């Protein structure tokens, strides 16, 4: 089968098409013939070498989510899965392939009204946004700021905060056009990347969902209301400054909180339940999946180039 591997860490050109033996599912696994593969921000971080300290090596196949049809099952797996359309999580890699092996506990059936492309646009991002807001203890009536709202996680956070009764949903983005698209998805205020939105923007926020992190993250503590919470659900701009906590301590009397959030800390059962609910809602048109572009699997280099250039609104999907 064809797969995309990281031949050399660095730029997108380090990705290459490779031929691998077709896999067979082990005990507790299913084999999915992929129809769609999601391209995530963590894929670009792994490809760049930024996460090499976590054990990723050259030759790694990126990709954390796929959707397609189950064509084989391993020992101990109910054979009735064969022939069913599913979404599946491959974890931190193994998704940029024509055939993927996935633990049966990490698959979710797709409703009839949801395409494979829409499934990989929503599957991971929806769970991160849902539990990220829960981690921030978001409550109806609060003001929310989504920093880095043009990506798939940010877009879902905007929709879920608006549906959850937020008094205001502000977003940071890079252009007027993107801001208008985010307004149609539920944003009430559009800010620039620094968080400035003029006189009409809220004076402060109870929750900041931060997909970006990076050097500018500490400045967003200044935009929190008393008892405000900033939760980092991503780090597409890299790590924040090592001393970022001093900004919180400087505002000691405001009782501010910071947390990092990874969906890996949520039980498989809870992740599956939320995904099933969100897939059903998307199938009914209650949640919008935003697909930037669909590219062939062998155009993974181009997909990563577009990500690096900041061109993407929503998610890029690869199709074998």
C-alpha atoms as a PDB file:
ATOM      1  CA  UNK A   1       0.000   0.000   0.000  1.00  0.00           C
ATOM      2  CA  UNK A   2       0.987   3.642  -0.369  1.00  0.00           C
ATOM      3  CA  UNK A   3       1.816   5.667   2.714  1.00  0.00           C
ATOM      4  CA  UNK A   4       3.391   9.029   3.546  1.00  0.00           C
ATOM      5  CA  UNK A   5       6.455   8.937   5.787  1.00  0.00           C
ATOM      6  CA  UNK A   6       8.702  11.590   7.293  1.00  0.00           C
ATOM      7  CA  UNK A   7      12.007  10.901   5.536  1.00  0.00           C
ATOM      8  CA  UNK A   8      13.779  13.898   7.070  1.00  0.00           C
ATOM      9  CA  UNK A   9      12.610  16.253   9.803  1.00  0.00           C
ATOM     10  CA  UNK A  10      12.224  19.902   8.889  1.00  0.00           C
ATOM     11  CA  UNK A  11      10.111  21.415   6.125  1.00  0.00           C
ATOM     12  CA  UNK A  12       7.183  19.823   4.278  1.00  0.00           C
ATOM     13  CA  UNK A  13       9.565  18.538   1.604  1.00  0.00           C
ATOM     14  CA  UNK A  14      10.754  15.949   4.111  1.00  0.00           C
ATOM     15  CA  UNK A  15       7.537  13.986   3.519  1.00  0.00           C
ATOM     16  CA  UNK A  16       7.683  11.250   0.877  1.00  0.00           C
ATOM     17  CA  UNK A  17       5.449   8.575  -0.638  1.00  0.00           C
ATOM     18  CA  UNK A  18       6.594   5.081   0.358  1.00  0.00           C
ATOM     19  CA  UNK A  19       5.373   1.570  -0.419  1.00  0.00           C
ATOM     20  CA  UNK A  20       4.651  -0.629   2.576  1.00  0.00           C
ATOM     21  CA  UNK A  21       3.266  -4.141   2.973  1.00  0.00           C
ATOM     22  CA  UNK A  22      -0.491  -4.159   3.500  1.00  0.00           C
ATOM     23  CA  UNK A  23      -1.085  -4.426   7.267  1.00  0.00           C
ATOM     24  CA  UNK A  24      -3.116  -7.078   9.051  1.00  0.00           C
ATOM     25  CA  UNK A  25      -5.096  -6.281  12.187  1.00  0.00           C
ATOM     26  CA  UNK A  26      -3.759  -7.766  15.415  1.00  0.00           C
ATOM     27  CA  UNK A  27      -5.951  -8.897  18.288  1.00  0.00           C
ATOM     28  CA  UNK A  28      -8.325  -6.120  19.301  1.00  0.00           C
ATOM     29  CA  UNK A  29      -7.781  -4.181  16.069  1.00  0.00           C
ATOM     30  CA  UNK A  30      -9.677  -3.508  12.855  1.00  0.00           C
ATOM     31  CA  UNK A  31      -8.356  -2.776   9.376  1.00  0.00           C
ATOM     32  CA  UNK A  32      -9.866   0.302   7.722  1.00  0.00           C
ATOM     33  CA  UNK A  33      -9.621   0.952   4.002  1.00  0.00           C
ATOM     34  CA  UNK A  34      -9.322   4.700   4.212  1.00  0.00           C
ATOM     35  CA  UNK A  35     -11.497   7.125   2.305  1.00  0.00           C
ATOM     36  CA  UNK A  36     -10.305  10.253   4.127  1.00  0.00           C
ATOM     37  CA  UNK A  37      -7.355  11.230   6.328  1.00  0.00           C
ATOM     38  CA  UNK A  38      -7.331  14.363   8.497  1.00  0.00           C
ATOM     39  CA  UNK A  39      -4.299  16.659   8.430  1.00  0.00           C
ATOM     40  CA  UNK A  40      -3.786  18.082  11.917  1.00  0.00           C
ATOM     41  CA  UNK A  41      -1.586  20.738  13.447  1.00  0.00           C
ATOM     42  CA  UNK A  42       0.221  18.111  15.531  1.00  0.00           C
ATOM     43  CA  UNK A  43       1.216  16.378  12.272  1.00  0.00           C
ATOM     44  CA  UNK A  44       3.129  19.490  11.226  1.00  0.00           C
ATOM     45  CA  UNK A  45       4.831  19.766  14.614  1.00  0.00           C
ATOM     46  CA  UNK A  46       5.950  16.125  14.448  1.00  0.00           C
ATOM     47  CA  UNK A  47       7.157  16.563  10.861  1.00  0.00           C
ATOM     48  CA  UNK A  48       9.185  19.637  11.795  1.00  0.00           C
ATOM     49  CA  UNK A  49      11.103  17.726  14.445  1.00  0.00           C
ATOM     50  CA  UNK A  50       9.758  19.935  17.230  1.00  0.00           C
ATOM     51  CA  UNK A  51       8.505  16.863  19.116  1.00  0.00           C
ATOM     52  CA  UNK A  52      11.537  14.636  18.530  1.00  0.00           C
ATOM     53  CA  UNK A  53      12.185  14.620  22.266  1.00  0.00           C
ATOM     54  CA  UNK A  54       8.952  12.626  22.657  1.00  0.00           C
ATOM     55  CA  UNK A  55      10.410   9.690  20.741  1.00  0.00           C
ATOM     56  CA  UNK A  56       9.322  10.417  17.171  1.00  0.00           C
ATOM     57  CA  UNK A  57      11.915   9.268  14.656  1.00  0.00           C
ATOM     58  CA  UNK A  58      12.475   9.722  10.935  1.00  0.00           C
ATOM     59  CA  UNK A  59      10.407   7.179   9.033  1.00  0.00           C
ATOM     60  CA  UNK A  60       7.380   8.008  11.180  1.00  0.00           C
ATOM     61  CA  UNK A  61       4.015   7.984   9.367  1.00  0.00           C
ATOM     62  CA  UNK A  62       1.971  10.982  10.530  1.00  0.00           C
ATOM     63  CA  UNK A  63      -1.798  11.229  10.823  1.00  0.00           C
ATOM     64  CA  UNK A  64      -4.085  10.734  13.801  1.00  0.00           C
ATOM     65  CA  UNK A  65      -7.512  10.133  12.280  1.00  0.00           C
ATOM     66  CA  UNK A  66      -9.007   8.293   9.339  1.00  0.00           C
ATOM     67  CA  UNK A  67     -12.434   7.369   8.054  1.00  0.00           C
ATOM     68  CA  UNK A  68     -13.446   4.567   5.737  1.00  0.00           C
ATOM     69  CA  UNK A  69     -14.753   1.021   5.679  1.00  0.00           C
ATOM     70  CA  UNK A  70     -13.711  -1.833   7.962  1.00  0.00           C
ATOM     71  CA  UNK A  71     -12.390  -4.636   5.745  1.00  0.00           C
ATOM     72  CA  UNK A  72     -10.915  -7.037   8.324  1.00  0.00           C
ATOM     73  CA  UNK A  73     -10.853  -7.613  12.078  1.00  0.00           C
ATOM     74  CA  UNK A  74      -8.341  -9.151  14.441  1.00  0.00           C
ATOM     75  CA  UNK A  75      -8.869 -11.829  17.062  1.00  0.00           C
ATOM     76  CA  UNK A  76     -11.473 -10.973  19.651  1.00  0.00           C
ATOM     77  CA  UNK A  77     -13.240  -8.380  17.491  1.00  0.00           C
ATOM     78  CA  UNK A  78     -16.861  -8.824  16.448  1.00  0.00           C
ATOM     79  CA  UNK A  79     -16.917  -9.696  12.735  1.00  0.00           C
ATOM     80  CA  UNK A  80     -20.056  -7.603  12.276  1.00  0.00           C
ATOM     81  CA  UNK A  81     -17.772  -4.548  12.033  1.00  0.00           C
ATOM     82  CA  UNK A  82     -16.680  -5.736   8.571  1.00  0.00           C
ATOM     83  CA  UNK A  83     -18.301  -3.598   5.888  1.00  0.00           C
ATOM     84  CA  UNK A  84     -19.271  -0.769   8.242  1.00  0.00           C
ATOM     85  CA  UNK A  85     -18.231   2.844   7.667  1.00  0.00           C
ATOM     86  CA  UNK A  86     -16.324   4.190  10.654  1.00  0.00           C
ATOM     87  CA  UNK A  87     -14.100   6.951  11.955  1.00  0.00           C
ATOM     88  CA  UNK A  88     -10.922   5.782  13.672  1.00  0.00           C
ATOM     89  CA  UNK A  89      -8.111   7.262  15.755  1.00  0.00           C
ATOM     90  CA  UNK A  90      -4.589   6.081  14.966  1.00  0.00           C
ATOM     91  CA  UNK A  91      -3.156   8.048  17.879  1.00  0.00           C
ATOM     92  CA  UNK A  92      -0.030  10.097  17.186  1.00  0.00           C
ATOM     93  CA  UNK A  93       0.686   8.513  13.818  1.00  0.00           C
ATOM     94  CA  UNK A  94      -0.142   5.899  11.246  1.00  0.00           C
ATOM     95  CA  UNK A  95      -2.970   7.705   9.456  1.00  0.00           C
ATOM     96  CA  UNK A  96      -1.412   8.820   6.153  1.00  0.00           C
ATOM     97  CA  UNK A  97      -2.011   5.413   4.575  1.00  0.00           C
ATOM     98  CA  UNK A  98      -4.341   3.564   2.222  1.00  0.00           C
ATOM     99  CA  UNK A  99      -5.108   0.989   4.906  1.00  0.00           C
ATOM    100  CA  UNK A 100      -4.962   1.732   8.623  1.00  0.00           C
ATOM    101  CA  UNK A 101      -5.035  -0.513  11.677  1.00  0.00           C
ATOM    102  CA  UNK A 102      -7.001   0.936  14.579  1.00  0.00           C
ATOM    103  CA  UNK A 103      -7.922  -0.423  18.035  1.00  0.00           C
ATOM    104  CA  UNK A 104     -11.587  -1.369  18.023  1.00  0.00           C
ATOM    105  CA  UNK A 105     -12.074   0.847  21.099  1.00  0.00           C
ATOM    106  CA  UNK A 106     -11.033   3.846  18.985  1.00  0.00           C
ATOM    107  CA  UNK A 107     -13.600   3.530  16.194  1.00  0.00           C
ATOM    108  CA  UNK A 108     -17.014   5.161  15.943  1.00  0.00           C
ATOM    109  CA  UNK A 109     -19.693   4.236  13.379  1.00  0.00           C
ATOM    110  CA  UNK A 110     -20.607   6.980  10.919  1.00  0.00           C
ATOM    111  CA  UNK A 111     -24.252   7.987  10.509  1.00  0.00           C
ATOM    112  CA  UNK A 112     -25.625   7.773   7.010  1.00  0.00           C
ATOM    113  CA  UNK A 113     -25.667  11.530   6.464  1.00  0.00           C
ATOM    114  CA  UNK A 114     -21.992  12.106   7.291  1.00  0.00           C
ATOM    115  CA  UNK A 115     -19.214  11.766   4.715  1.00  0.00           C
ATOM    116  CA  UNK A 116     -15.758  10.392   5.502  1.00  0.00           C
ATOM    117  CA  UNK A 117     -14.293  13.838   4.737  1.00  0.00           C
ATOM    118  CA  UNK A 118     -16.617  15.513   7.240  1.00  0.00           C
ATOM    119  CA  UNK A 119     -15.864  12.814   9.826  1.00  0.00           C
ATOM    120  CA  UNK A 120     -12.107  13.489   9.874  1.00  0.00           C
ATOM    121  CA  UNK A 121     -12.782  17.216   9.945  1.00  0.00           C
ATOM    122  CA  UNK A 122     -14.812  16.832  13.126  1.00  0.00           C
ATOM    123  CA  UNK A 123     -13.602  13.656  14.850  1.00  0.00           C
ATOM    124  CA  UNK A 124     -10.573  14.932  16.756  1.00  0.00           C
ATOM    125  CA  UNK A 125     -11.234  18.665  16.758  1.00  0.00           C
ATOM    126  CA  UNK A 126     -14.749  18.338  18.147  1.00  0.00           C
ATOM    127  CA  UNK A 127     -13.609  16.275  21.107  1.00  0.00           C
ATOM    128  CA  UNK A 128     -10.745  18.669  21.933  1.00  0.00           C
ATOM    129  CA  UNK A 129     -13.069  21.676  21.758  1.00  0.00           C
ATOM    130  CA  UNK A 130     -15.792  19.986  23.843  1.00  0.00           C
ATOM    131  CA  UNK A 131     -13.554  18.778  26.636  1.00  0.00           C
ATOM    132  CA  UNK A 132     -11.328  21.864  26.433  1.00  0.00           C
ATOM    133  CA  UNK A 133     -14.340  24.021  27.277  1.00  0.00           C
ATOM    134  CA  UNK A 134     -15.284  21.598  30.043  1.00  0.00           C
ATOM    135  CA  UNK A 135     -11.701  21.723  31.384  1.00  0.00           C
ATOM    136  CA  UNK A 136     -12.068  25.515  31.495  1.00  0.00           C
ATOM    137  CA  UNK A 137     -15.294  25.100  33.506  1.00  0.00           C
ATOM    138  CA  UNK A 138     -17.161  27.144  30.914  1.00  0.00           C
ATOM    139  CA  UNK A 139     -20.718  28.036  31.949  1.00  0.00           C
ATOM    140  CA  UNK A 140     -23.602  29.695  30.081  1.00  0.00           C
ATOM    141  CA  UNK A 141     -23.482  33.480  30.267  1.00  0.00           C
ATOM    142  CA  UNK A 142     -19.686  33.677  30.322  1.00  0.00           C
ATOM    143  CA  UNK A 143     -17.523  35.512  27.809  1.00  0.00           C
ATOM    144  CA  UNK A 144     -15.212  33.306  25.751  1.00  0.00           C
ATOM    145  CA  UNK A 145     -12.222  34.155  23.583  1.00  0.00           C
ATOM    146  CA  UNK A 146     -10.937  31.571  21.094  1.00  0.00           C
ATOM    147  CA  UNK A 147      -7.348  32.331  20.157  1.00  0.00           C
ATOM    148  CA  UNK A 148      -6.447  30.837  16.783  1.00  0.00           C
ATOM    149  CA  UNK A 149     -10.034  30.283  15.692  1.00  0.00           C
ATOM    150  CA  UNK A 150      -9.452  29.581  11.980  1.00  0.00           C
ATOM    151  CA  UNK A 151      -8.279  25.997  12.487  1.00  0.00           C
ATOM    152  CA  UNK A 152     -10.538  23.015  12.967  1.00  0.00           C
ATOM    153  CA  UNK A 153     -10.272  23.046  16.792  1.00  0.00           C
ATOM    154  CA  UNK A 154     -10.927  26.775  16.989  1.00  0.00           C
ATOM    155  CA  UNK A 155     -13.893  26.570  14.626  1.00  0.00           C
ATOM    156  CA  UNK A 156     -15.451  23.854  16.778  1.00  0.00           C
ATOM    157  CA  UNK A 157     -14.771  25.790  19.991  1.00  0.00           C
ATOM    158  CA  UNK A 158     -16.566  28.807  18.521  1.00  0.00           C
ATOM    159  CA  UNK A 159     -19.611  26.745  17.572  1.00  0.00           C
ATOM    160  CA  UNK A 160     -19.779  24.859  20.867  1.00  0.00           C
ATOM    161  CA  UNK A 161     -19.347  27.989  22.999  1.00  0.00           C
ATOM    162  CA  UNK A 162     -22.103  29.751  21.052  1.00  0.00           C
ATOM    163  CA  UNK A 163     -24.405  26.717  21.308  1.00  0.00           C
ATOM    164  CA  UNK A 164     -23.569  26.470  25.011  1.00  0.00           C
ATOM    165  CA  UNK A 165     -24.990  29.915  25.781  1.00  0.00           C
ATOM    166  CA  UNK A 166     -21.885  32.119  25.916  1.00  0.00           C
ATOM    167  CA  UNK A 167     -22.662  35.803  26.433  1.00  0.00           C
ATOM    168  CA  UNK A 168     -19.964  36.618  23.880  1.00  0.00           C
ATOM    169  CA  UNK A 169     -17.663  34.568  21.669  1.00  0.00           C
ATOM    170  CA  UNK A 170     -14.650  36.558  20.505  1.00  0.00           C
ATOM    171  CA  UNK A 171     -12.059  35.223  18.071  1.00  0.00           C
ATOM    172  CA  UNK A 172      -8.574  36.198  17.006  1.00  0.00           C
ATOM    173  CA  UNK A 173      -7.903  35.888  13.305  1.00  0.00           C
ATOM    174  CA  UNK A 174      -5.704  37.272  10.553  1.00  0.00           C
ATOM    175  CA  UNK A 175      -8.181  38.827   8.113  1.00  0.00           C
ATOM    176  CA  UNK A 176     -11.573  40.477   7.756  1.00  0.00           C
ATOM    177  CA  UNK A 177     -12.721  37.677   5.443  1.00  0.00           C
ATOM    178  CA  UNK A 178     -11.902  35.002   8.021  1.00  0.00           C
ATOM    179  CA  UNK A 179     -13.595  37.068  10.693  1.00  0.00           C
ATOM    180  CA  UNK A 180     -16.818  37.200   8.695  1.00  0.00           C
ATOM    181  CA  UNK A 181     -16.748  33.443   8.189  1.00  0.00           C
ATOM    182  CA  UNK A 182     -16.295  32.967  11.927  1.00  0.00           C
ATOM    183  CA  UNK A 183     -19.222  35.291  12.621  1.00  0.00           C
ATOM    184  CA  UNK A 184     -21.421  33.016  10.522  1.00  0.00           C
ATOM    185  CA  UNK A 185     -20.290  30.117  12.714  1.00  0.00           C
ATOM    186  CA  UNK A 186     -21.210  31.863  15.962  1.00  0.00           C
ATOM    187  CA  UNK A 187     -18.532  34.461  16.765  1.00  0.00           C
ATOM    188  CA  UNK A 188     -19.868  37.745  18.121  1.00  0.00           C
ATOM    189  CA  UNK A 189     -16.613  39.745  18.083  1.00  0.00           C
ATOM    190  CA  UNK A 190     -13.599  39.611  15.769  1.00  0.00           C
ATOM    191  CA  UNK A 191     -10.202  40.610  17.129  1.00  0.00           C
ATOM    192  CA  UNK A 192      -6.771  40.896  15.554  1.00  0.00           C
ATOM    193  CA  UNK A 193      -4.038  38.433  16.445  1.00  0.00           C
ATOM    194  CA  UNK A 194      -2.956  40.506  19.443  1.00  0.00           C
ATOM    195  CA  UNK A 195      -6.477  40.333  20.878  1.00  0.00           C
ATOM    196  CA  UNK A 196      -7.419  43.927  20.090  1.00  0.00           C
ATOM    197  CA  UNK A 197     -10.974  44.393  18.847  1.00  0.00           C
ATOM    198  CA  UNK A 198     -11.571  48.075  19.419  1.00  0.00           C
ATOM    199  CA  UNK A 199     -14.102  49.718  21.704  1.00  0.00           C
ATOM    200  CA  UNK A 200     -16.906  47.270  20.897  1.00  0.00           C
ATOM    201  CA  UNK A 201     -14.952  44.204  22.062  1.00  0.00           C
ATOM    202  CA  UNK A 202     -15.550  42.850  25.573  1.00  0.00           C
ATOM    203  CA  UNK A 203     -13.302  44.381  28.192  1.00  0.00           C
ATOM    204  CA  UNK A 204     -12.426  40.947  29.541  1.00  0.00           C
ATOM    205  CA  UNK A 205     -13.105  37.235  29.203  1.00  0.00           C
ATOM    206  CA  UNK A 206     -13.963  34.481  31.627  1.00  0.00           C
ATOM    207  CA  UNK A 207     -12.457  31.771  29.415  1.00  0.00           C
ATOM    208  CA  UNK A 208      -9.709  31.818  26.803  1.00  0.00           C
ATOM    209  CA  UNK A 209      -9.322  28.690  24.665  1.00  0.00           C
ATOM    210  CA  UNK A 210      -5.823  28.951  23.191  1.00  0.00           C
ATOM    211  CA  UNK A 211      -4.868  26.829  20.182  1.00  0.00           C
ATOM    212  CA  UNK A 212      -1.751  28.906  19.457  1.00  0.00           C
ATOM    213  CA  UNK A 213       0.444  29.250  22.595  1.00  0.00           C
ATOM    214  CA  UNK A 214       3.855  30.674  21.512  1.00  0.00           C
ATOM    215  CA  UNK A 215       5.603  33.834  22.654  1.00  0.00           C
ATOM    216  CA  UNK A 216       2.439  35.966  22.781  1.00  0.00           C
ATOM    217  CA  UNK A 217       0.421  33.671  25.025  1.00  0.00           C
ATOM    218  CA  UNK A 218       1.201  35.465  28.333  1.00  0.00           C
ATOM    219  CA  UNK A 219      -0.323  38.729  27.068  1.00  0.00           C
ATOM    220  CA  UNK A 220      -3.740  37.046  26.975  1.00  0.00           C
ATOM    221  CA  UNK A 221      -3.712  36.615  30.749  1.00  0.00           C
ATOM    222  CA  UNK A 222      -4.171  40.396  30.848  1.00  0.00           C
ATOM    223  CA  UNK A 223      -7.505  39.952  29.024  1.00  0.00           C
ATOM    224  CA  UNK A 224      -8.980  37.610  31.635  1.00  0.00           C
ATOM    225  CA  UNK A 225     -11.655  38.718  34.085  1.00  0.00           C
ATOM    226  CA  UNK A 226     -11.190  37.976  37.802  1.00  0.00           C
ATOM    227  CA  UNK A 227     -11.314  34.180  38.244  1.00  0.00           C
ATOM    228  CA  UNK A 228     -10.677  33.842  34.506  1.00  0.00           C
ATOM    229  CA  UNK A 229      -9.243  30.652  33.024  1.00  0.00           C
ATOM    230  CA  UNK A 230      -6.913  30.215  30.041  1.00  0.00           C
ATOM    231  CA  UNK A 231      -6.678  26.670  28.680  1.00  0.00           C
ATOM    232  CA  UNK A 232      -4.059  25.784  26.075  1.00  0.00           C
ATOM    233  CA  UNK A 233      -5.446  23.070  23.796  1.00  0.00           C
ATOM    234  CA  UNK A 234      -2.664  23.371  21.213  1.00  0.00           C
ATOM    235  CA  UNK A 235       0.683  24.979  20.505  1.00  0.00           C
ATOM    236  CA  UNK A 236       0.787  25.649  16.771  1.00  0.00           C
ATOM    237  CA  UNK A 237       3.119  28.613  17.392  1.00  0.00           C
ATOM    238  CA  UNK A 238       5.398  26.613  19.681  1.00  0.00           C
ATOM    239  CA  UNK A 239       5.980  26.693  23.414  1.00  0.00           C
ATOM    240  CA  UNK A 240       5.244  29.833  25.470  1.00  0.00           C
ATOM    241  CA  UNK A 241       8.111  31.625  27.256  1.00  0.00           C
ATOM    242  CA  UNK A 242       9.548  29.635  30.144  1.00  0.00           C
ATOM    243  CA  UNK A 243       8.585  32.408  32.592  1.00  0.00           C
ATOM    244  CA  UNK A 244       4.974  32.832  31.411  1.00  0.00           C
ATOM    245  CA  UNK A 245       3.687  32.032  34.895  1.00  0.00           C
ATOM    246  CA  UNK A 246       5.048  35.326  36.204  1.00  0.00           C
ATOM    247  CA  UNK A 247       2.229  37.098  34.337  1.00  0.00           C
ATOM    248  CA  UNK A 248      -0.311  35.190  36.427  1.00  0.00           C
ATOM    249  CA  UNK A 249       1.522  35.925  39.666  1.00  0.00           C
ATOM    250  CA  UNK A 250       1.713  39.626  38.776  1.00  0.00           C
ATOM    251  CA  UNK A 251      -2.108  39.635  38.750  1.00  0.00           C
ATOM    252  CA  UNK A 252      -2.352  37.613  41.946  1.00  0.00           C
ATOM    253  CA  UNK A 253      -5.488  39.346  43.249  1.00  0.00           C
ATOM    254  CA  UNK A 254      -7.451  38.365  40.116  1.00  0.00           C
ATOM    255  CA  UNK A 255      -7.147  34.628  40.947  1.00  0.00           C
ATOM    256  CA  UNK A 256      -6.345  33.676  37.355  1.00  0.00           C
ATOM    257  CA  UNK A 257      -5.856  30.069  36.259  1.00  0.00           C
ATOM    258  CA  UNK A 258      -3.858  28.383  33.501  1.00  0.00           C
ATOM    259  CA  UNK A 259      -4.171  24.784  32.339  1.00  0.00           C
ATOM    260  CA  UNK A 260      -2.997  22.654  29.454  1.00  0.00           C
ATOM    261  CA  UNK A 261      -5.466  20.175  28.031  1.00  0.00           C
ATOM    262  CA  UNK A 262      -4.961  16.975  26.045  1.00  0.00           C
ATOM    263  CA  UNK A 263      -7.784  14.684  24.992  1.00  0.00           C
ATOM    264  CA  UNK A 264      -5.511  11.803  26.010  1.00  0.00           C
ATOM    265  CA  UNK A 265      -6.640  12.427  29.601  1.00  0.00           C
ATOM    266  CA  UNK A 266     -10.282  11.700  28.689  1.00  0.00           C
ATOM    267  CA  UNK A 267     -11.461   8.108  28.883  1.00  0.00           C
ATOM    268  CA  UNK A 268     -11.995   6.260  25.618  1.00  0.00           C
ATOM    269  CA  UNK A 269     -15.644   5.732  26.508  1.00  0.00           C
ATOM    270  CA  UNK A 270     -16.232   9.445  27.055  1.00  0.00           C
ATOM    271  CA  UNK A 271     -14.429  10.378  23.835  1.00  0.00           C
ATOM    272  CA  UNK A 272     -16.467   7.865  21.857  1.00  0.00           C
ATOM    273  CA  UNK A 273     -19.739   9.080  23.349  1.00  0.00           C
ATOM    274  CA  UNK A 274     -19.040  12.720  22.485  1.00  0.00           C
ATOM    275  CA  UNK A 275     -17.871  11.826  18.975  1.00  0.00           C
ATOM    276  CA  UNK A 276     -21.028   9.831  18.342  1.00  0.00           C
ATOM    277  CA  UNK A 277     -23.167  12.763  19.533  1.00  0.00           C
ATOM    278  CA  UNK A 278     -21.251  15.245  17.398  1.00  0.00           C
ATOM    279  CA  UNK A 279     -21.322  13.031  14.301  1.00  0.00           C
ATOM    280  CA  UNK A 280     -25.085  12.730  14.673  1.00  0.00           C
ATOM    281  CA  UNK A 281     -25.438  16.503  15.157  1.00  0.00           C
ATOM    282  CA  UNK A 282     -23.294  17.179  12.074  1.00  0.00           C
ATOM    283  CA  UNK A 283     -25.372  14.713  10.072  1.00  0.00           C
ATOM    284  CA  UNK A 284     -28.464  16.705  11.058  1.00  0.00           C
ATOM    285  CA  UNK A 285     -26.789  19.982  10.094  1.00  0.00           C
ATOM    286  CA  UNK A 286     -26.587  21.276  13.673  1.00  0.00           C
ATOM    287  CA  UNK A 287     -22.771  21.447  13.624  1.00  0.00           C
ATOM    288  CA  UNK A 288     -20.908  22.705  10.572  1.00  0.00           C
ATOM    289  CA  UNK A 289     -17.756  20.950   9.395  1.00  0.00           C
ATOM    290  CA  UNK A 290     -15.405  23.319   7.585  1.00  0.00           C
ATOM    291  CA  UNK A 291     -13.197  21.670   4.966  1.00  0.00           C
ATOM    292  CA  UNK A 292     -10.544  23.926   3.478  1.00  0.00           C
ATOM    293  CA  UNK A 293      -9.500  21.562   0.692  1.00  0.00           C
ATOM    294  CA  UNK A 294      -9.451  17.894  -0.255  1.00  0.00           C
ATOM    295  CA  UNK A 295      -6.160  16.663  -1.753  1.00  0.00           C
ATOM    296  CA  UNK A 296      -4.893  13.271  -2.903  1.00  0.00           C
ATOM    297  CA  UNK A 297      -2.776  11.367  -0.372  1.00  0.00           C
ATOM    298  CA  UNK A 298       0.335  11.829  -2.498  1.00  0.00           C
ATOM    299  CA  UNK A 299      -0.066  15.623  -2.181  1.00  0.00           C
ATOM    300  CA  UNK A 300       0.731  15.570   1.535  1.00  0.00           C
ATOM    301  CA  UNK A 301       3.709  17.874   0.937  1.00  0.00           C
ATOM    302  CA  UNK A 302       1.382  20.490  -0.566  1.00  0.00           C
ATOM    303  CA  UNK A 303      -1.029  20.094   2.348  1.00  0.00           C
ATOM    304  CA  UNK A 304       1.760  20.788   4.846  1.00  0.00           C
ATOM    305  CA  UNK A 305       3.012  23.727   2.772  1.00  0.00           C
ATOM    306  CA  UNK A 306      -0.441  25.278   2.930  1.00  0.00           C
ATOM    307  CA  UNK A 307      -0.529  24.711   6.691  1.00  0.00           C
ATOM    308  CA  UNK A 308       2.893  26.324   7.096  1.00  0.00           C
ATOM    309  CA  UNK A 309       1.835  29.330   5.020  1.00  0.00           C
ATOM    310  CA  UNK A 310      -1.177  29.962   7.237  1.00  0.00           C
ATOM    311  CA  UNK A 311      -3.559  29.548   4.295  1.00  0.00           C
ATOM    312  CA  UNK A 312      -5.892  27.029   5.886  1.00  0.00           C
ATOM    313  CA  UNK A 313      -9.355  27.827   7.230  1.00  0.00           C
ATOM    314  CA  UNK A 314     -10.778  24.645   8.684  1.00  0.00           C
ATOM    315  CA  UNK A 315      -9.144  21.338   7.798  1.00  0.00           C
ATOM    316  CA  UNK A 316      -7.257  19.885   4.875  1.00  0.00           C
ATOM    317  CA  UNK A 317      -8.240  16.287   4.122  1.00  0.00           C
ATOM    318  CA  UNK A 318      -6.228  13.725   2.176  1.00  0.00           C
ATOM    319  CA  UNK A 319      -7.950  11.031   0.138  1.00  0.00           C
ATOM    320  CA  UNK A 320      -6.118   7.830  -0.909  1.00  0.00           C
END
